[in-house]
């Protein structure tokens, strides 16, 4: 059963550094390390850098994604599959919007070049 007060959990601010160990991410997101390792298998968006000894180093965007996953699972009541679909849908929409912006920019630049060549 979900804790009714779980949505009131205040997560600590993310420090301004480039890489975080699994222990640091565990504290920042209030999720145990074994859960983070499991989520890496379930969510393709999570890809920490692995260094010698297979040590994981998470970047800021990974920490933000983990917090999103945590919110979907623990606060909003999504299943793993449902959270994965929600994140895929958001990512797909974001990529689509970025592609449209790039296309509009390219069209504007091509029109400028066409005007210069006339």
N, C-alpha and C. Protein backbone atom coordinates (compact mmCIF):
# COMPACT_ATOMS: atom_id res chain seq x y z
N UNK A 1 0.85 -1.19 0.00
CA UNK A 1 0.00 0.00 0.00
C UNK A 1 0.89 1.25 0.00
N UNK A 2 0.50 2.24 -0.76
CA UNK A 2 1.27 3.48 -0.82
C UNK A 2 1.03 4.33 0.42
N UNK A 3 2.07 4.96 0.88
CA UNK A 3 1.97 5.86 2.03
C UNK A 3 1.26 7.13 1.57
N UNK A 4 0.15 7.52 2.21
CA UNK A 4 -0.56 8.72 1.77
C UNK A 4 0.27 9.99 1.89
N UNK A 5 1.30 9.97 2.72
CA UNK A 5 2.14 11.16 2.87
C UNK A 5 3.35 11.15 1.95
N UNK A 6 3.47 10.12 1.09
CA UNK A 6 4.67 9.98 0.26
C UNK A 6 4.82 11.13 -0.73
N UNK A 7 3.73 11.76 -1.16
CA UNK A 7 3.84 12.86 -2.11
C UNK A 7 4.42 14.11 -1.46
N UNK A 8 4.43 14.14 -0.13
CA UNK A 8 4.95 15.30 0.59
C UNK A 8 6.46 15.19 0.83
N UNK A 9 7.09 14.12 0.34
CA UNK A 9 8.52 13.92 0.55
C UNK A 9 9.29 15.03 -0.16
N UNK A 10 10.15 15.69 0.59
CA UNK A 10 10.98 16.76 0.03
C UNK A 10 12.35 16.18 -0.28
N UNK A 11 12.69 16.10 -1.56
CA UNK A 11 13.99 15.56 -1.96
C UNK A 11 15.04 16.66 -1.87
N UNK A 12 16.27 16.31 -1.50
CA UNK A 12 17.32 17.33 -1.38
C UNK A 12 17.68 17.91 -2.75
N UNK A 13 18.19 19.14 -2.79
CA UNK A 13 18.59 19.73 -4.08
C UNK A 13 19.76 18.95 -4.69
N UNK A 14 19.81 18.97 -6.01
CA UNK A 14 20.88 18.26 -6.72
C UNK A 14 22.10 19.17 -6.76
N UNK A 15 23.23 18.72 -6.20
CA UNK A 15 24.43 19.57 -6.21
C UNK A 15 24.92 19.83 -7.64
N UNK A 16 25.66 20.91 -7.82
CA UNK A 16 26.16 21.29 -9.13
C UNK A 16 27.45 20.57 -9.49
N UNK A 17 27.40 19.26 -9.60
CA UNK A 17 28.58 18.53 -10.04
C UNK A 17 28.22 17.67 -11.24
N UNK A 18 29.24 17.17 -11.92
CA UNK A 18 29.00 16.48 -13.18
C UNK A 18 28.58 15.02 -13.01
N UNK A 19 29.23 14.31 -12.11
CA UNK A 19 28.95 12.88 -11.92
C UNK A 19 28.59 12.57 -10.47
N UNK A 20 27.71 11.58 -10.32
CA UNK A 20 27.26 11.16 -9.00
C UNK A 20 27.41 9.64 -8.90
N UNK A 21 27.84 9.16 -7.73
CA UNK A 21 27.93 7.72 -7.51
C UNK A 21 26.53 7.18 -7.23
N UNK A 22 26.40 5.87 -7.26
CA UNK A 22 25.09 5.27 -6.99
C UNK A 22 24.64 5.58 -5.56
N UNK A 23 25.59 5.66 -4.63
CA UNK A 23 25.25 6.00 -3.25
C UNK A 23 24.71 7.42 -3.13
N UNK A 24 25.34 8.35 -3.85
CA UNK A 24 24.87 9.74 -3.83
C UNK A 24 23.48 9.86 -4.44
N UNK A 25 23.27 9.16 -5.56
CA UNK A 25 21.96 9.21 -6.23
C UNK A 25 20.90 8.58 -5.33
N UNK A 26 21.29 7.51 -4.65
CA UNK A 26 20.37 6.85 -3.72
C UNK A 26 19.88 7.84 -2.67
N UNK A 27 20.80 8.64 -2.12
CA UNK A 27 20.42 9.64 -1.12
C UNK A 27 19.62 10.78 -1.73
N UNK A 28 20.05 11.26 -2.91
CA UNK A 28 19.37 12.38 -3.54
C UNK A 28 17.93 12.05 -3.93
N UNK A 29 17.69 10.79 -4.30
CA UNK A 29 16.37 10.38 -4.77
C UNK A 29 15.60 9.55 -3.76
N UNK A 30 16.23 9.26 -2.64
CA UNK A 30 15.64 8.45 -1.57
C UNK A 30 15.11 7.12 -2.11
N UNK A 31 16.01 6.44 -2.85
CA UNK A 31 15.73 5.12 -3.42
C UNK A 31 16.96 4.27 -3.16
N UNK A 32 16.78 3.03 -2.76
CA UNK A 32 17.92 2.16 -2.45
C UNK A 32 18.70 1.81 -3.73
N UNK A 33 20.02 1.59 -3.59
CA UNK A 33 20.85 1.29 -4.76
C UNK A 33 20.37 0.09 -5.59
N UNK A 34 19.87 -0.97 -4.93
CA UNK A 34 19.41 -2.12 -5.71
C UNK A 34 18.20 -1.76 -6.56
N UNK A 35 17.39 -0.82 -6.10
CA UNK A 35 16.24 -0.36 -6.88
C UNK A 35 16.72 0.41 -8.11
N UNK A 36 17.75 1.24 -7.93
CA UNK A 36 18.32 1.98 -9.06
C UNK A 36 18.85 1.02 -10.12
N UNK A 37 19.55 -0.02 -9.69
CA UNK A 37 20.08 -1.00 -10.64
C UNK A 37 18.95 -1.70 -11.38
N UNK A 38 17.86 -2.00 -10.68
CA UNK A 38 16.69 -2.64 -11.31
C UNK A 38 16.06 -1.68 -12.33
N UNK A 39 15.91 -0.42 -11.94
CA UNK A 39 15.30 0.55 -12.86
C UNK A 39 16.12 0.73 -14.13
N UNK A 40 17.44 0.58 -14.02
CA UNK A 40 18.29 0.67 -15.23
C UNK A 40 17.88 -0.38 -16.25
N UNK A 41 17.48 -1.56 -15.78
CA UNK A 41 17.05 -2.63 -16.67
C UNK A 41 15.67 -2.36 -17.25
N UNK A 42 14.84 -1.67 -16.50
CA UNK A 42 13.44 -1.47 -16.90
C UNK A 42 13.21 -0.20 -17.72
N UNK A 43 14.06 0.80 -17.54
CA UNK A 43 13.87 2.08 -18.22
C UNK A 43 15.08 2.38 -19.11
N UNK A 44 14.90 2.30 -20.43
CA UNK A 44 16.04 2.51 -21.35
C UNK A 44 16.60 3.94 -21.27
N UNK A 45 15.85 4.88 -20.70
CA UNK A 45 16.33 6.25 -20.57
C UNK A 45 17.48 6.36 -19.56
N UNK A 46 17.58 5.40 -18.66
CA UNK A 46 18.64 5.42 -17.63
C UNK A 46 19.87 4.71 -18.14
N UNK A 47 20.91 5.47 -18.40
CA UNK A 47 22.16 4.89 -18.89
C UNK A 47 23.34 5.54 -18.18
N UNK A 48 23.61 5.15 -16.94
CA UNK A 48 24.77 5.74 -16.26
C UNK A 48 26.07 5.32 -16.96
N UNK A 49 27.06 6.18 -16.88
CA UNK A 49 28.38 5.87 -17.41
C UNK A 49 28.99 4.80 -16.50
N UNK A 50 29.58 3.78 -17.10
CA UNK A 50 30.23 2.74 -16.28
C UNK A 50 31.72 2.83 -16.49
N UNK A 51 32.44 2.90 -15.38
CA UNK A 51 33.90 2.97 -15.41
C UNK A 51 34.49 1.68 -14.88
N UNK A 52 35.78 1.70 -14.57
CA UNK A 52 36.45 0.47 -14.14
C UNK A 52 35.73 -0.17 -12.97
N UNK A 53 35.77 -1.49 -12.97
CA UNK A 53 35.08 -2.22 -11.92
C UNK A 53 33.57 -2.15 -12.07
N UNK A 54 33.09 -1.72 -13.25
CA UNK A 54 31.65 -1.60 -13.51
C UNK A 54 30.97 -0.60 -12.58
N UNK A 55 31.73 0.37 -12.07
CA UNK A 55 31.15 1.41 -11.21
C UNK A 55 30.28 2.34 -12.03
N UNK A 56 29.14 2.69 -11.47
CA UNK A 56 28.20 3.56 -12.16
C UNK A 56 28.43 5.00 -11.76
N UNK A 57 28.38 5.87 -12.76
CA UNK A 57 28.44 7.31 -12.50
C UNK A 57 27.26 7.94 -13.24
N UNK A 58 26.36 8.50 -12.46
CA UNK A 58 25.16 9.12 -13.01
C UNK A 58 25.43 10.59 -13.27
N UNK A 59 24.78 11.12 -14.32
CA UNK A 59 24.86 12.54 -14.61
C UNK A 59 23.57 13.21 -14.15
N UNK A 60 23.58 14.52 -14.16
CA UNK A 60 22.44 15.30 -13.67
C UNK A 60 21.13 14.87 -14.32
N UNK A 61 21.15 14.68 -15.65
CA UNK A 61 19.90 14.29 -16.34
C UNK A 61 19.42 12.91 -15.89
N UNK A 62 20.36 12.03 -15.49
CA UNK A 62 19.96 10.73 -14.95
C UNK A 62 19.24 10.91 -13.61
N UNK A 63 19.77 11.79 -12.77
CA UNK A 63 19.18 12.03 -11.45
C UNK A 63 17.76 12.59 -11.62
N UNK A 64 17.61 13.51 -12.55
CA UNK A 64 16.28 14.09 -12.81
C UNK A 64 15.32 13.02 -13.31
N UNK A 65 15.80 12.15 -14.21
CA UNK A 65 14.96 11.06 -14.73
C UNK A 65 14.57 10.11 -13.61
N UNK A 66 15.51 9.79 -12.71
CA UNK A 66 15.21 8.89 -11.59
C UNK A 66 14.15 9.52 -10.69
N UNK A 67 14.25 10.81 -10.47
CA UNK A 67 13.22 11.49 -9.66
C UNK A 67 11.86 11.43 -10.34
N UNK A 68 11.85 11.55 -11.67
CA UNK A 68 10.58 11.43 -12.40
C UNK A 68 10.01 10.03 -12.24
N UNK A 69 10.86 9.02 -12.42
CA UNK A 69 10.43 7.62 -12.28
C UNK A 69 9.91 7.38 -10.87
N UNK A 70 10.63 7.89 -9.88
CA UNK A 70 10.23 7.73 -8.48
C UNK A 70 8.84 8.33 -8.25
N UNK A 71 8.64 9.52 -8.80
CA UNK A 71 7.36 10.19 -8.64
C UNK A 71 6.24 9.38 -9.29
N UNK A 72 6.48 8.89 -10.50
CA UNK A 72 5.45 8.11 -11.20
C UNK A 72 5.10 6.85 -10.42
N UNK A 73 6.10 6.16 -9.91
CA UNK A 73 5.87 4.89 -9.23
C UNK A 73 5.34 5.06 -7.81
N UNK A 74 6.00 5.91 -7.03
CA UNK A 74 5.69 5.99 -5.61
C UNK A 74 4.60 7.00 -5.26
N UNK A 75 4.51 8.08 -6.04
CA UNK A 75 3.55 9.12 -5.69
C UNK A 75 2.30 9.07 -6.55
N UNK A 76 2.46 8.76 -7.85
CA UNK A 76 1.31 8.76 -8.75
C UNK A 76 0.70 7.38 -8.94
N UNK A 77 1.38 6.34 -8.40
CA UNK A 77 0.80 5.00 -8.41
C UNK A 77 0.90 4.24 -9.73
N UNK A 78 1.80 4.65 -10.62
CA UNK A 78 1.96 3.92 -11.88
C UNK A 78 2.66 2.59 -11.63
N UNK A 79 2.40 1.63 -12.51
CA UNK A 79 3.18 0.39 -12.51
C UNK A 79 4.46 0.68 -13.29
N UNK A 80 5.41 -0.26 -13.26
CA UNK A 80 6.65 -0.10 -14.04
C UNK A 80 6.30 0.09 -15.52
N UNK A 81 5.44 -0.78 -16.04
CA UNK A 81 5.04 -0.69 -17.45
C UNK A 81 4.36 0.62 -17.77
N UNK A 82 3.47 1.06 -16.90
CA UNK A 82 2.77 2.32 -17.11
C UNK A 82 3.71 3.51 -17.07
N UNK A 83 4.66 3.48 -16.14
CA UNK A 83 5.65 4.57 -16.04
C UNK A 83 6.52 4.60 -17.29
N UNK A 84 6.91 3.40 -17.77
CA UNK A 84 7.74 3.32 -18.98
C UNK A 84 6.99 3.92 -20.17
N UNK A 85 5.70 3.58 -20.30
CA UNK A 85 4.89 4.12 -21.41
C UNK A 85 4.75 5.63 -21.30
N UNK A 86 4.53 6.11 -20.10
CA UNK A 86 4.38 7.56 -19.90
C UNK A 86 5.66 8.29 -20.30
N UNK A 87 6.79 7.76 -19.85
CA UNK A 87 8.07 8.39 -20.19
C UNK A 87 8.36 8.30 -21.68
N UNK A 88 8.05 7.16 -22.31
CA UNK A 88 8.24 7.02 -23.75
C UNK A 88 7.37 8.02 -24.50
N UNK A 89 6.15 8.20 -24.05
CA UNK A 89 5.25 9.15 -24.69
C UNK A 89 5.76 10.57 -24.57
N UNK A 90 6.25 10.93 -23.39
CA UNK A 90 6.79 12.29 -23.18
C UNK A 90 8.04 12.50 -24.01
N UNK A 91 8.93 11.49 -24.02
CA UNK A 91 10.16 11.61 -24.81
C UNK A 91 9.85 11.73 -26.29
N UNK A 92 8.92 10.90 -26.75
CA UNK A 92 8.57 10.93 -28.17
C UNK A 92 7.99 12.29 -28.54
N UNK A 93 7.13 12.84 -27.69
CA UNK A 93 6.54 14.15 -27.97
C UNK A 93 7.60 15.24 -27.95
N UNK A 94 8.52 15.17 -26.99
CA UNK A 94 9.59 16.16 -26.89
C UNK A 94 10.49 16.11 -28.13
N UNK A 95 10.84 14.89 -28.57
CA UNK A 95 11.67 14.73 -29.76
C UNK A 95 10.95 15.26 -30.99
N UNK A 96 9.65 15.03 -31.07
CA UNK A 96 8.85 15.51 -32.20
C UNK A 96 8.86 17.04 -32.23
N UNK A 97 8.66 17.65 -31.06
CA UNK A 97 8.67 19.12 -30.98
C UNK A 97 10.03 19.69 -31.38
N UNK A 98 11.11 19.05 -30.92
CA UNK A 98 12.45 19.51 -31.26
C UNK A 98 12.68 19.38 -32.77
N UNK A 99 12.23 18.28 -33.34
CA UNK A 99 12.40 18.08 -34.78
C UNK A 99 11.66 19.15 -35.57
N UNK A 100 10.46 19.48 -35.14
CA UNK A 100 9.69 20.53 -35.83
C UNK A 100 10.41 21.88 -35.75
N UNK A 101 10.99 22.19 -34.60
CA UNK A 101 11.72 23.45 -34.45
C UNK A 101 12.93 23.48 -35.37
N UNK A 102 13.65 22.38 -35.45
CA UNK A 102 14.83 22.31 -36.31
C UNK A 102 14.42 22.47 -37.77
N UNK A 103 13.34 21.80 -38.16
CA UNK A 103 12.87 21.90 -39.55
C UNK A 103 12.47 23.32 -39.89
N UNK A 104 11.75 23.98 -38.99
CA UNK A 104 11.35 25.39 -39.24
C UNK A 104 12.58 26.28 -39.39
N UNK A 105 13.58 26.06 -38.54
CA UNK A 105 14.81 26.86 -38.60
C UNK A 105 15.53 26.63 -39.92
N UNK A 106 15.62 25.36 -40.34
CA UNK A 106 16.28 25.04 -41.61
C UNK A 106 15.54 25.66 -42.79
N UNK A 107 14.22 25.60 -42.77
CA UNK A 107 13.43 26.20 -43.85
C UNK A 107 13.69 27.70 -43.94
N UNK A 108 13.71 28.36 -42.79
CA UNK A 108 13.95 29.81 -42.78
C UNK A 108 15.34 30.12 -43.34
N UNK A 109 16.35 29.31 -42.97
CA UNK A 109 17.70 29.54 -43.47
C UNK A 109 17.78 29.28 -44.97
N UNK A 110 17.09 28.23 -45.44
CA UNK A 110 17.09 27.94 -46.88
C UNK A 110 16.41 29.05 -47.67
N UNK A 111 15.34 29.60 -47.12
CA UNK A 111 14.66 30.72 -47.80
C UNK A 111 15.58 31.94 -47.88
N UNK A 112 16.36 32.18 -46.82
CA UNK A 112 17.32 33.28 -46.85
C UNK A 112 18.37 33.05 -47.94
N UNK A 113 18.87 31.82 -48.03
CA UNK A 113 19.87 31.50 -49.05
C UNK A 113 19.27 31.67 -50.44
N UNK A 114 18.03 31.24 -50.62
CA UNK A 114 17.36 31.38 -51.92
C UNK A 114 17.24 32.86 -52.30
N UNK A 115 16.93 33.71 -51.34
CA UNK A 115 16.81 35.15 -51.60
C UNK A 115 18.15 35.74 -52.01
N UNK A 116 19.21 35.30 -51.36
CA UNK A 116 20.55 35.80 -51.68
C UNK A 116 20.95 35.40 -53.08
N UNK A 117 20.60 34.17 -53.47
CA UNK A 117 21.00 33.66 -54.78
C UNK A 117 20.20 34.27 -55.94
N UNK A 118 19.06 34.89 -55.68
CA UNK A 118 18.24 35.48 -56.76
C UNK A 118 18.85 36.73 -57.32
